[in-house]
């Protein structure tokens, strides 16, 4: 639930063109990421990446996924979408 709120908050601040709000959301994301890694909630990290879509600002999440040998989650997610598209 927390991750979805962060994604939605980022979206709302982007729509409102509130740079301070976007910065605050990204700051909270950076504070919470360690807790997700500690509890092995790598899907939550993936959701942050795909929901917020600020890949330059979230590069540290890519690094954390690679260090935890979980980078295939990102590749797997994309592959599933491509396969679903091909089936349609």
N, C-alpha and C. Protein backbone atom coordinates (compact mmCIF):
# COMPACT_ATOMS: atom_id res chain seq x y z
N UNK A 1 0.82 -1.18 0.00
CA UNK A 1 0.00 0.00 0.00
C UNK A 1 0.88 1.26 0.00
N UNK A 2 1.95 1.22 0.77
CA UNK A 2 2.84 2.38 0.87
C UNK A 2 3.43 2.74 -0.49
N UNK A 3 3.86 1.73 -1.21
CA UNK A 3 4.48 1.96 -2.52
C UNK A 3 3.46 2.57 -3.48
N UNK A 4 2.25 2.08 -3.47
CA UNK A 4 1.21 2.64 -4.34
C UNK A 4 0.92 4.09 -3.99
N UNK A 5 0.95 4.42 -2.71
CA UNK A 5 0.76 5.81 -2.29
C UNK A 5 1.91 6.69 -2.78
N UNK A 6 3.13 6.18 -2.72
CA UNK A 6 4.28 6.93 -3.22
C UNK A 6 4.18 7.16 -4.72
N UNK A 7 3.79 6.13 -5.44
CA UNK A 7 3.63 6.26 -6.90
C UNK A 7 2.55 7.29 -7.21
N UNK A 8 1.43 7.21 -6.52
CA UNK A 8 0.32 8.14 -6.76
C UNK A 8 0.71 9.57 -6.36
N UNK A 9 1.42 9.71 -5.24
CA UNK A 9 1.86 11.04 -4.80
C UNK A 9 2.80 11.66 -5.84
N UNK A 10 3.70 10.85 -6.36
CA UNK A 10 4.61 11.35 -7.40
C UNK A 10 3.82 11.82 -8.61
N UNK A 11 2.87 11.02 -9.03
CA UNK A 11 2.04 11.36 -10.18
C UNK A 11 1.30 12.68 -9.95
N UNK A 12 0.69 12.83 -8.78
CA UNK A 12 -0.06 14.05 -8.48
C UNK A 12 0.85 15.28 -8.48
N UNK A 13 2.03 15.15 -7.90
CA UNK A 13 2.96 16.28 -7.88
C UNK A 13 3.46 16.61 -9.29
N UNK A 14 3.63 15.59 -10.12
CA UNK A 14 4.04 15.84 -11.50
C UNK A 14 2.94 16.59 -12.26
N UNK A 15 1.70 16.17 -12.10
CA UNK A 15 0.58 16.82 -12.77
C UNK A 15 0.45 18.27 -12.30
N UNK A 16 0.70 18.49 -11.01
CA UNK A 16 0.59 19.84 -10.45
C UNK A 16 1.84 20.68 -10.71
N UNK A 17 2.84 20.08 -11.33
CA UNK A 17 4.12 20.76 -11.60
C UNK A 17 4.74 21.30 -10.32
N UNK A 18 4.67 20.48 -9.28
CA UNK A 18 5.21 20.86 -7.97
C UNK A 18 6.55 20.16 -7.76
N UNK A 19 7.63 20.84 -8.12
CA UNK A 19 8.96 20.24 -8.02
C UNK A 19 9.32 19.89 -6.58
N UNK A 20 8.90 20.72 -5.63
CA UNK A 20 9.19 20.42 -4.22
C UNK A 20 8.50 19.13 -3.79
N UNK A 21 7.28 18.93 -4.25
CA UNK A 21 6.55 17.71 -3.92
C UNK A 21 7.21 16.47 -4.51
N UNK A 22 7.64 16.58 -5.76
CA UNK A 22 8.34 15.47 -6.41
C UNK A 22 9.62 15.14 -5.64
N UNK A 23 10.36 16.16 -5.26
CA UNK A 23 11.60 15.95 -4.49
C UNK A 23 11.31 15.27 -3.15
N UNK A 24 10.24 15.68 -2.50
CA UNK A 24 9.89 15.05 -1.21
C UNK A 24 9.53 13.58 -1.39
N UNK A 25 8.78 13.27 -2.44
CA UNK A 25 8.43 11.88 -2.70
C UNK A 25 9.68 11.06 -2.96
N UNK A 26 10.58 11.58 -3.79
CA UNK A 26 11.81 10.84 -4.09
C UNK A 26 12.67 10.67 -2.83
N UNK A 27 12.66 11.65 -1.95
CA UNK A 27 13.40 11.54 -0.69
C UNK A 27 12.82 10.41 0.17
N UNK A 28 11.50 10.32 0.24
CA UNK A 28 10.86 9.25 1.01
C UNK A 28 11.16 7.89 0.38
N UNK A 29 11.14 7.83 -0.94
CA UNK A 29 11.48 6.57 -1.63
C UNK A 29 12.88 6.13 -1.23
N UNK A 30 13.84 7.05 -1.25
CA UNK A 30 15.22 6.72 -0.89
C UNK A 30 15.32 6.25 0.56
N UNK A 31 14.49 6.82 1.44
CA UNK A 31 14.51 6.41 2.84
C UNK A 31 13.90 5.02 3.03
N UNK A 32 12.90 4.66 2.24
CA UNK A 32 12.16 3.41 2.43
C UNK A 32 12.78 2.21 1.69
N UNK A 33 13.58 2.47 0.69
CA UNK A 33 14.12 1.39 -0.13
C UNK A 33 14.90 0.37 0.70
N UNK A 34 15.68 0.82 1.64
CA UNK A 34 16.46 -0.11 2.46
C UNK A 34 15.55 -1.08 3.23
N UNK A 35 14.41 -0.60 3.67
CA UNK A 35 13.47 -1.48 4.38
C UNK A 35 12.92 -2.55 3.45
N UNK A 36 12.66 -2.18 2.20
CA UNK A 36 12.16 -3.17 1.23
C UNK A 36 13.22 -4.22 0.91
N UNK A 37 14.46 -3.76 0.79
CA UNK A 37 15.55 -4.70 0.53
C UNK A 37 15.74 -5.62 1.73
N UNK A 38 15.71 -5.07 2.93
CA UNK A 38 15.91 -5.88 4.14
C UNK A 38 14.83 -6.96 4.28
N UNK A 39 13.63 -6.66 3.82
CA UNK A 39 12.55 -7.65 3.91
C UNK A 39 12.37 -8.43 2.60
N UNK A 40 13.33 -8.27 1.69
CA UNK A 40 13.33 -8.98 0.40
C UNK A 40 12.07 -8.72 -0.43
N UNK A 41 11.53 -7.51 -0.33
CA UNK A 41 10.37 -7.12 -1.13
C UNK A 41 10.83 -6.46 -2.43
N UNK A 42 11.46 -7.25 -3.27
CA UNK A 42 12.03 -6.71 -4.50
C UNK A 42 10.97 -6.32 -5.51
N UNK A 43 9.80 -6.95 -5.44
CA UNK A 43 8.70 -6.55 -6.32
C UNK A 43 8.25 -5.12 -6.03
N UNK A 44 8.39 -4.69 -4.78
CA UNK A 44 8.05 -3.31 -4.44
C UNK A 44 9.04 -2.34 -5.09
N UNK A 45 10.31 -2.74 -5.13
CA UNK A 45 11.30 -1.90 -5.82
C UNK A 45 10.96 -1.80 -7.30
N UNK A 46 10.57 -2.91 -7.86
CA UNK A 46 10.19 -2.93 -9.28
C UNK A 46 8.99 -2.02 -9.51
N UNK A 47 8.03 -2.07 -8.61
CA UNK A 47 6.84 -1.21 -8.74
C UNK A 47 7.21 0.27 -8.66
N UNK A 48 8.14 0.61 -7.78
CA UNK A 48 8.60 1.99 -7.69
C UNK A 48 9.22 2.44 -9.01
N UNK A 49 10.05 1.59 -9.58
CA UNK A 49 10.69 1.92 -10.86
C UNK A 49 9.67 2.11 -11.98
N UNK A 50 8.76 1.17 -12.09
CA UNK A 50 7.80 1.21 -13.20
C UNK A 50 6.69 2.22 -12.97
N UNK A 51 6.42 2.54 -11.71
CA UNK A 51 5.36 3.49 -11.41
C UNK A 51 5.82 4.93 -11.48
N UNK A 52 7.00 5.21 -10.97
CA UNK A 52 7.51 6.58 -10.93
C UNK A 52 8.19 6.95 -12.25
N UNK A 53 8.87 6.02 -12.85
CA UNK A 53 9.49 6.20 -14.17
C UNK A 53 10.50 7.34 -14.23
N UNK A 54 11.19 7.58 -13.16
CA UNK A 54 12.28 8.58 -13.16
C UNK A 54 13.57 7.79 -12.99
N UNK A 55 13.96 7.13 -14.07
CA UNK A 55 15.04 6.16 -14.02
C UNK A 55 16.38 6.77 -13.62
N UNK A 56 16.65 7.98 -14.03
CA UNK A 56 17.90 8.62 -13.62
C UNK A 56 17.92 8.86 -12.12
N UNK A 57 16.80 9.31 -11.57
CA UNK A 57 16.72 9.57 -10.14
C UNK A 57 16.69 8.29 -9.32
N UNK A 58 16.30 7.19 -9.93
CA UNK A 58 16.16 5.92 -9.22
C UNK A 58 17.21 4.89 -9.63
N UNK A 59 18.32 5.35 -10.16
CA UNK A 59 19.38 4.43 -10.58
C UNK A 59 19.86 3.53 -9.45
N UNK A 60 19.80 4.04 -8.24
CA UNK A 60 20.26 3.25 -7.10
C UNK A 60 19.41 1.99 -6.92
N UNK A 61 18.16 2.01 -7.38
CA UNK A 61 17.32 0.81 -7.28
C UNK A 61 17.82 -0.25 -8.26
N UNK A 62 18.22 0.15 -9.46
CA UNK A 62 18.81 -0.80 -10.40
C UNK A 62 20.03 -1.47 -9.76
N UNK A 63 20.87 -0.68 -9.12
CA UNK A 63 22.07 -1.21 -8.48
C UNK A 63 21.70 -2.19 -7.37
N UNK A 64 20.71 -1.84 -6.56
CA UNK A 64 20.28 -2.73 -5.48
C UNK A 64 19.73 -4.05 -6.02
N UNK A 65 18.97 -3.97 -7.10
CA UNK A 65 18.44 -5.20 -7.71
C UNK A 65 19.57 -6.08 -8.23
N UNK A 66 20.57 -5.47 -8.83
CA UNK A 66 21.70 -6.25 -9.34
C UNK A 66 22.49 -6.86 -8.19
N UNK A 67 22.73 -6.09 -7.13
CA UNK A 67 23.49 -6.61 -5.99
C UNK A 67 22.77 -7.76 -5.32
N UNK A 68 21.45 -7.73 -5.33
CA UNK A 68 20.66 -8.79 -4.69
C UNK A 68 20.34 -9.92 -5.66
N UNK A 69 20.93 -9.87 -6.85
CA UNK A 69 20.70 -10.88 -7.88
C UNK A 69 19.21 -10.99 -8.22
N UNK A 70 18.54 -9.85 -8.32
CA UNK A 70 17.11 -9.80 -8.61
C UNK A 70 16.79 -8.99 -9.87
N UNK A 71 17.82 -8.68 -10.64
CA UNK A 71 17.62 -7.83 -11.82
C UNK A 71 16.69 -8.50 -12.84
N UNK A 72 16.64 -9.82 -12.84
CA UNK A 72 15.79 -10.52 -13.80
C UNK A 72 14.31 -10.23 -13.57
N UNK A 73 13.96 -9.73 -12.39
CA UNK A 73 12.57 -9.32 -12.16
C UNK A 73 12.17 -8.25 -13.16
N UNK A 74 13.05 -7.31 -13.39
CA UNK A 74 12.77 -6.22 -14.32
C UNK A 74 12.70 -6.75 -15.75
N UNK A 75 13.61 -7.58 -16.12
CA UNK A 75 13.63 -8.15 -17.46
C UNK A 75 12.43 -9.09 -17.64
N UNK A 76 12.14 -9.87 -16.64
CA UNK A 76 11.01 -10.80 -16.71
C UNK A 76 9.69 -10.08 -16.88
N UNK A 77 9.53 -8.97 -16.18
CA UNK A 77 8.30 -8.19 -16.27
C UNK A 77 8.11 -7.67 -17.69
N UNK A 78 9.17 -7.18 -18.29
CA UNK A 78 9.10 -6.68 -19.66
C UNK A 78 8.83 -7.81 -20.64
N UNK A 79 9.47 -8.92 -20.42
CA UNK A 79 9.28 -10.07 -21.31
C UNK A 79 7.84 -10.55 -21.25
N UNK A 80 7.23 -10.56 -20.07
CA UNK A 80 5.84 -10.97 -19.94
C UNK A 80 4.92 -10.04 -20.73
N UNK A 81 5.17 -8.74 -20.69
CA UNK A 81 4.35 -7.79 -21.42
C UNK A 81 4.50 -7.99 -22.93
N UNK A 82 5.72 -8.24 -23.37
CA UNK A 82 5.96 -8.46 -24.80
C UNK A 82 5.26 -9.73 -25.23
N UNK A 83 5.37 -10.80 -24.46
CA UNK A 83 4.71 -12.06 -24.80
C UNK A 83 3.19 -11.90 -24.84
N UNK A 84 2.63 -11.16 -23.90
CA UNK A 84 1.20 -10.93 -23.88
C UNK A 84 0.78 -10.15 -25.12
N UNK A 85 1.58 -9.15 -25.50
CA UNK A 85 1.28 -8.35 -26.69
C UNK A 85 1.29 -9.24 -27.95
N UNK A 86 2.25 -10.14 -28.02
CA UNK A 86 2.37 -11.01 -29.20
C UNK A 86 1.19 -11.96 -29.29
N UNK A 87 0.62 -12.34 -28.16
CA UNK A 87 -0.52 -13.25 -28.16
C UNK A 87 -1.81 -12.59 -28.63
N UNK A 88 -1.88 -11.27 -28.50
CA UNK A 88 -3.13 -10.57 -28.86
C UNK A 88 -3.28 -10.41 -30.32
